[in-house]
């Protein structure tokens, strides 16, 4: 069977455009792949189309909009998931604008499908006392515990994303002064993050113990699993989750109900902000493209808001006796409700 134009351009999109021209991460490619797998299933099962015969002319705005509605109603997915699927579709048709402009008007109509607004959830982070408790949980008498202590401490101190930690190799660590670590984030953008002295000591002993300080280990995973391969995102989440539960068992008040690896990143950003660090420096540490993304921490920090309001507050209320104090019968009546 002769390949269709859709099959040709979709293959080029995944094998050349995303990894080559865009420098997309493996996670982004997997997300877009899953989007099209869902789309194929929808077109086959709901629309009765033969996937192997799909052509570019078959794709119209109404078809894509129906698919997105099915994501929400048929699969009962959230608006956020619907938006993720739309992002993958937008990326493909943005690519087609330049590679196959024959149906440019239709591509632009698909690109015009808006992302739905979602409710912004509350930012989950842990206070300094909670972080101290969490980092005390790994058993440093064991080799695995020492690895976990170094991993969690580095995640917090650098504000790294979980994938950035998973991808680390010893060649990305500079232990001599000035001590730094190279993190490669979204879009394969690299940034250099300074390491504090205590973090350098912990990381140095960990690398020496595991022979990761030797030249031949430069490209080995910095935090390997039991078989020597690099830890996965799920593996790091499991490690963190184990110690979060241990910390919660010791002091529930210090540990939020939900705490993921990304919450360690949030925690570092909030602590820097509360210490008076400029948002621009926090942006650079976290690897945000715009300081507007970083401003979410300033909007979330109720402590800073209270301090600012208290500093600017002037009491303009007159000294006056409460009207309730002069009415003993009313006070007695109110007390009945708290017996």
Protein backbone atom coordinates (compact mmCIF):
# COMPACT_ATOMS: atom_id res chain seq x y z
CA UNK A 1 0.00 0.00 0.00
CA UNK A 2 1.32 3.43 -0.95
CA UNK A 3 1.94 5.65 2.13
CA UNK A 4 -0.44 8.60 2.46
CA UNK A 5 0.66 12.21 2.73
CA UNK A 6 -0.51 12.25 6.35
CA UNK A 7 1.68 9.24 7.24
CA UNK A 8 4.68 10.88 5.56
CA UNK A 9 4.37 14.23 7.34
CA UNK A 10 3.51 12.74 10.73
CA UNK A 11 6.62 10.54 10.53
CA UNK A 12 8.77 13.54 9.62
CA UNK A 13 7.20 15.53 12.46
CA UNK A 14 8.23 12.92 15.05
CA UNK A 15 11.59 11.85 13.64
CA UNK A 16 13.00 15.12 12.28
CA UNK A 17 11.10 18.22 13.34
CA UNK A 18 10.58 17.61 17.07
CA UNK A 19 14.00 16.16 18.00
CA UNK A 20 16.01 18.01 15.34
CA UNK A 21 14.61 21.49 14.72
CA UNK A 22 12.75 21.97 18.03
CA UNK A 23 15.12 20.08 20.30
CA UNK A 24 12.08 18.67 22.12
CA UNK A 25 12.69 16.45 25.12
CA UNK A 26 11.85 12.75 25.12
CA UNK A 27 8.95 13.49 27.46
CA UNK A 28 7.46 16.00 25.01
CA UNK A 29 7.78 13.56 22.13
CA UNK A 30 6.08 10.83 24.19
CA UNK A 31 3.25 13.19 25.13
CA UNK A 32 2.63 14.15 21.49
CA UNK A 33 2.83 10.51 20.45
CA UNK A 34 0.18 9.59 23.02
CA UNK A 35 -2.01 12.41 21.69
CA UNK A 36 -1.99 10.97 18.18
CA UNK A 37 -2.53 7.43 19.42
CA UNK A 38 -5.68 8.69 21.16
CA UNK A 39 -6.70 10.54 18.01
CA UNK A 40 -6.26 7.39 15.91
CA UNK A 41 -8.37 5.38 18.32
CA UNK A 42 -11.08 8.04 18.25
CA UNK A 43 -11.14 8.24 14.44
CA UNK A 44 -11.32 4.46 14.15
CA UNK A 45 -13.83 3.67 16.89
CA UNK A 46 -16.01 6.78 16.92
CA UNK A 47 -15.80 7.96 13.32
CA UNK A 48 -15.32 4.63 11.55
CA UNK A 49 -12.28 5.81 9.58
CA UNK A 50 -9.48 3.57 8.38
CA UNK A 51 -6.28 4.85 9.95
CA UNK A 52 -4.03 3.53 7.18
CA UNK A 53 -5.98 5.58 4.61
CA UNK A 54 -6.01 8.91 6.46
CA UNK A 55 -4.95 11.87 4.36
CA UNK A 56 -4.23 15.46 5.32
CA UNK A 57 -7.42 16.62 3.58
CA UNK A 58 -9.41 14.61 6.17
CA UNK A 59 -8.39 16.89 9.03
CA UNK A 60 -10.67 19.85 9.65
CA UNK A 61 -11.42 22.09 12.59
CA UNK A 62 -14.72 20.40 13.43
CA UNK A 63 -13.08 16.98 13.53
CA UNK A 64 -10.39 18.15 15.94
CA UNK A 65 -12.96 19.95 18.08
CA UNK A 66 -15.08 16.78 18.27
CA UNK A 67 -12.00 14.84 19.35
CA UNK A 68 -11.27 17.33 22.13
CA UNK A 69 -14.88 17.15 23.32
CA UNK A 70 -14.58 13.35 23.37
CA UNK A 71 -11.45 13.63 25.50
CA UNK A 72 -13.45 15.51 28.12
CA UNK A 73 -16.83 13.79 27.93
CA UNK A 74 -16.11 10.35 26.52
CA UNK A 75 -12.94 9.68 28.51
CA UNK A 76 -13.92 11.94 31.44
CA UNK A 77 -10.55 13.70 31.37
CA UNK A 78 -9.86 17.08 32.93
CA UNK A 79 -9.66 20.35 31.03
CA UNK A 80 -5.92 20.35 31.69
CA UNK A 81 -5.56 16.98 29.90
CA UNK A 82 -7.66 18.30 27.02
CA UNK A 83 -5.30 21.27 26.74
CA UNK A 84 -2.25 19.00 26.71
CA UNK A 85 -3.71 17.06 23.77
CA UNK A 86 -4.51 20.29 21.95
CA UNK A 87 -0.92 21.46 22.41
CA UNK A 88 0.37 18.39 20.56
CA UNK A 89 -2.13 18.89 17.74
CA UNK A 90 -1.28 22.58 17.47
CA UNK A 91 2.41 21.73 17.20
CA UNK A 92 1.79 19.35 14.29
CA UNK A 93 -0.37 21.76 12.32
CA UNK A 94 2.02 24.61 12.99
CA UNK A 95 4.66 22.41 11.37
CA UNK A 96 2.34 21.70 8.41
CA UNK A 97 1.89 25.42 7.73
CA UNK A 98 5.44 25.52 6.41
CA UNK A 99 5.87 21.97 5.12
CA UNK A 100 2.49 21.50 3.40
CA UNK A 101 0.74 24.87 2.88
CA UNK A 102 -1.80 23.49 0.38
CA UNK A 103 -4.49 23.55 3.08
CA UNK A 104 -3.11 26.54 4.93
CA UNK A 105 -6.52 28.05 5.63
CA UNK A 106 -7.70 24.82 7.27
CA UNK A 107 -4.48 24.53 9.29
CA UNK A 108 -4.97 28.05 10.60
CA UNK A 109 -8.55 27.30 11.63
CA UNK A 110 -7.27 24.32 13.64
CA UNK A 111 -4.57 26.48 15.19
CA UNK A 112 -7.31 28.94 16.14
CA UNK A 113 -8.95 26.40 18.50
CA UNK A 114 -8.38 28.01 21.91
CA UNK A 115 -6.93 26.47 25.02
CA UNK A 116 -9.60 26.27 27.71
CA UNK A 117 -9.13 28.18 30.92
CA UNK A 118 -8.60 26.05 33.99
CA UNK A 119 -8.79 26.80 37.67
CA UNK A 120 -5.33 27.44 39.06
CA UNK A 121 -4.66 25.04 41.91
CA UNK A 122 -2.98 26.03 45.13
CA UNK A 123 0.79 25.81 45.23
CA UNK A 124 1.99 23.00 47.49
CA UNK A 125 5.26 23.57 49.29
CA UNK A 126 6.97 22.68 52.56
CA UNK A 127 8.35 25.05 55.17
CA UNK A 128 11.99 25.09 56.20
CA UNK A 129 11.33 22.95 59.28
CA UNK A 130 9.55 20.42 57.11
CA UNK A 131 12.46 20.26 54.66
CA UNK A 132 14.90 19.75 57.53
CA UNK A 133 12.76 16.92 58.84
CA UNK A 134 12.45 15.34 55.38
CA UNK A 135 16.21 15.38 54.78
CA UNK A 136 16.79 13.64 58.11
CA UNK A 137 14.69 10.64 57.06
CA UNK A 138 17.19 8.71 54.85
CA UNK A 139 19.23 6.22 56.88
CA UNK A 140 22.78 7.37 56.23
CA UNK A 141 24.16 4.17 57.73
CA UNK A 142 23.22 2.40 54.49
CA UNK A 143 24.55 3.00 51.00
CA UNK A 144 21.05 3.47 49.56
CA UNK A 145 20.22 5.93 52.33
CA UNK A 146 23.31 8.00 51.57
CA UNK A 147 22.37 8.07 47.89
CA UNK A 148 18.83 9.17 48.73
CA UNK A 149 20.10 11.87 51.10
CA UNK A 150 22.39 13.27 48.39
CA UNK A 151 19.63 13.08 45.77
CA UNK A 152 16.92 14.82 47.82
CA UNK A 153 19.29 17.45 49.15
CA UNK A 154 20.48 18.27 45.63
CA UNK A 155 16.92 18.42 44.30
CA UNK A 156 15.97 20.93 46.96
CA UNK A 157 19.13 23.08 46.89
CA UNK A 158 19.12 23.47 43.10
CA UNK A 159 15.34 23.70 42.61
CA UNK A 160 15.75 21.12 39.84
CA UNK A 161 12.97 19.41 37.93
CA UNK A 162 12.79 15.67 38.48
CA UNK A 163 13.90 14.90 34.91
CA UNK A 164 16.88 17.25 35.29
CA UNK A 165 18.02 15.24 38.32
CA UNK A 166 17.45 11.92 36.54
CA UNK A 167 19.60 13.05 33.58
CA UNK A 168 22.59 14.16 35.66
CA UNK A 169 26.01 12.62 35.02
CA UNK A 170 29.24 13.33 36.97
CA UNK A 171 30.69 15.48 34.17
CA UNK A 172 27.93 18.01 34.85
CA UNK A 173 29.15 18.53 38.43
CA UNK A 174 31.99 20.91 39.31
CA UNK A 175 33.10 20.37 42.91
CA UNK A 176 36.11 22.70 42.86
CA UNK A 177 35.50 26.37 43.64
CA UNK A 178 33.34 27.96 42.40
CA UNK A 179 31.21 24.82 42.75
CA UNK A 180 28.39 24.50 40.22
CA UNK A 181 26.13 21.98 38.55
CA UNK A 182 24.80 22.01 35.00
CA UNK A 183 21.09 21.28 34.63
CA UNK A 184 19.48 20.64 31.24
CA UNK A 185 15.80 21.57 31.30
CA UNK A 186 12.89 21.97 28.92
CA UNK A 187 13.83 22.43 25.29
CA UNK A 188 17.31 21.14 26.16
CA UNK A 189 18.18 24.55 27.61
CA UNK A 190 21.11 24.33 30.00
CA UNK A 191 21.73 26.49 33.04
CA UNK A 192 24.50 26.62 35.61
CA UNK A 193 23.42 26.53 39.26
CA UNK A 194 25.83 27.30 42.14
CA UNK A 195 26.32 24.70 44.86
CA UNK A 196 26.62 25.62 48.52
CA UNK A 197 29.50 24.33 50.64
CA UNK A 198 27.52 21.77 52.66
CA UNK A 199 25.92 20.45 49.50
CA UNK A 200 29.37 20.10 47.91
CA UNK A 201 30.61 18.10 50.93
CA UNK A 202 27.63 15.74 50.81
CA UNK A 203 27.85 15.27 47.05
CA UNK A 204 31.63 14.85 47.13
CA UNK A 205 31.52 12.03 49.70
CA UNK A 206 28.71 10.35 47.78
CA UNK A 207 30.66 10.47 44.48
CA UNK A 208 33.87 9.19 46.09
CA UNK A 209 32.05 6.28 47.75
CA UNK A 210 30.47 5.25 44.44
CA UNK A 211 33.62 5.91 42.36
CA UNK A 212 31.81 8.56 40.37
CA UNK A 213 34.70 10.99 40.78
CA UNK A 214 36.87 9.03 38.32
CA UNK A 215 37.25 10.14 34.68
CA UNK A 216 35.88 6.85 33.31
CA UNK A 217 32.61 7.47 35.19
CA UNK A 218 31.99 10.89 33.62
CA UNK A 219 28.96 9.76 31.60
CA UNK A 220 27.51 7.32 34.13
CA UNK A 221 24.24 8.22 35.87
CA UNK A 222 24.93 10.37 38.92
CA UNK A 223 22.05 8.67 40.76
CA UNK A 224 21.78 5.09 39.49
CA UNK A 225 19.26 2.44 40.44
CA UNK A 226 20.04 -1.06 41.65
CA UNK A 227 21.12 -2.23 38.17
CA UNK A 228 23.30 0.79 37.48
CA UNK A 229 20.87 2.48 35.09
CA UNK A 230 19.70 6.03 35.74
CA UNK A 231 16.68 6.47 37.96
CA UNK A 232 13.40 7.17 36.20
CA UNK A 233 10.99 9.96 37.10
CA UNK A 234 8.74 7.36 38.71
CA UNK A 235 11.68 5.96 40.65
CA UNK A 236 12.62 9.37 42.06
CA UNK A 237 8.97 10.02 42.93
CA UNK A 238 8.86 6.71 44.80
CA UNK A 239 12.00 7.56 46.77
CA UNK A 240 10.67 10.97 47.75
CA UNK A 241 7.24 9.58 48.60
CA UNK A 242 8.75 7.02 50.96
CA UNK A 243 10.54 9.68 53.00
CA UNK A 244 7.59 12.07 52.89
CA UNK A 245 5.48 9.39 54.57
CA UNK A 246 8.18 8.84 57.19
CA UNK A 247 8.36 12.59 57.89
CA UNK A 248 4.57 12.85 58.04
CA UNK A 249 4.47 10.05 60.61
CA UNK A 250 6.79 12.09 62.84
CA UNK A 251 5.07 15.46 62.45
CA UNK A 252 1.93 15.80 60.35
CA UNK A 253 1.83 19.57 60.76
CA UNK A 254 5.07 20.04 58.80
CA UNK A 255 4.17 17.97 55.74
CA UNK A 256 1.48 18.98 53.20
CA UNK A 257 -1.20 16.38 52.32
CA UNK A 258 0.18 16.09 48.80
CA UNK A 259 3.87 16.45 48.08
CA UNK A 260 5.52 15.52 44.77
CA UNK A 261 9.09 16.04 43.50
CA UNK A 262 7.97 19.30 41.87
CA UNK A 263 6.88 20.52 45.32
CA UNK A 264 10.54 20.42 46.39
CA UNK A 265 11.18 22.90 43.59
CA UNK A 266 8.28 25.06 44.78
CA UNK A 267 9.63 24.88 48.33
CA UNK A 268 13.07 26.13 47.32
CA UNK A 269 11.59 29.02 45.36
CA UNK A 270 9.32 30.05 48.25
CA UNK A 271 12.17 29.93 50.76
CA UNK A 272 14.38 32.09 48.53
CA UNK A 273 11.55 34.58 48.08
CA UNK A 274 10.88 34.73 51.83
CA UNK A 275 14.60 35.37 52.38
CA UNK A 276 14.43 38.45 50.18
CA UNK A 277 16.01 37.04 46.99
CA UNK A 278 15.01 38.96 43.87
CA UNK A 279 12.53 37.22 41.54
CA UNK A 280 14.98 37.60 38.65
CA UNK A 281 17.56 35.42 40.43
CA UNK A 282 14.88 32.88 41.35
CA UNK A 283 13.82 32.80 37.69
CA UNK A 284 17.39 32.05 36.61
CA UNK A 285 17.80 29.34 39.24
CA UNK A 286 14.58 27.58 38.20
CA UNK A 287 15.22 28.00 34.48
CA UNK A 288 12.00 29.89 33.74
CA UNK A 289 11.85 31.66 30.39
CA UNK A 290 9.99 34.66 31.83
CA UNK A 291 9.88 36.23 35.27
CA UNK A 292 6.10 36.23 34.89
CA UNK A 293 6.18 32.47 35.46
CA UNK A 294 8.18 33.01 38.64
CA UNK A 295 5.73 35.61 39.93
CA UNK A 296 3.36 32.80 40.95
CA UNK A 297 5.49 32.39 44.09
CA UNK A 298 5.08 36.04 45.01
CA UNK A 299 1.31 35.74 44.56
CA UNK A 300 1.24 32.61 46.72
CA UNK A 301 3.39 33.87 49.59
CA UNK A 302 0.77 34.94 52.15
CA UNK A 303 3.50 35.63 54.75
CA UNK A 304 5.08 38.32 52.59
CA UNK A 305 1.66 39.77 51.84
CA UNK A 306 0.82 39.99 55.55
CA UNK A 307 4.17 41.61 56.36
CA UNK A 308 3.72 44.20 53.60
CA UNK A 309 0.17 45.02 54.72
CA UNK A 310 1.20 45.25 58.38
CA UNK A 311 4.02 47.66 57.52
CA UNK A 312 1.67 49.91 55.56
CA UNK A 313 -1.24 49.63 57.98
CA UNK A 314 -2.42 52.65 59.94
CA UNK A 315 -5.11 52.18 62.55
CA UNK A 316 -7.86 54.68 61.80
CA UNK A 317 -10.54 53.10 64.00
CA UNK A 318 -11.54 55.14 67.08
CA UNK A 319 -11.06 53.66 70.52
CA UNK A 320 -14.53 52.46 71.46
CA UNK A 321 -16.05 49.94 73.79
CA UNK A 322 -17.62 47.02 71.99
CA UNK A 323 -21.39 47.24 71.81
CA UNK A 324 -21.56 43.62 72.97
CA UNK A 325 -19.83 44.34 76.25
CA UNK A 326 -22.69 46.52 77.47
CA UNK A 327 -25.33 43.85 77.01
CA UNK A 328 -24.84 41.00 79.52
CA UNK A 329 -28.08 39.27 78.51
CA UNK A 330 -26.92 39.02 74.90
CA UNK A 331 -23.53 37.70 75.99
CA UNK A 332 -25.23 35.06 78.12
CA UNK A 333 -27.41 34.06 75.20
CA UNK A 334 -24.35 33.67 72.93
CA UNK A 335 -22.56 31.54 75.52
CA UNK A 336 -25.37 28.99 75.30
CA UNK A 337 -24.10 27.97 71.84
CA UNK A 338 -20.63 26.97 73.01
CA UNK A 339 -21.55 24.86 76.02
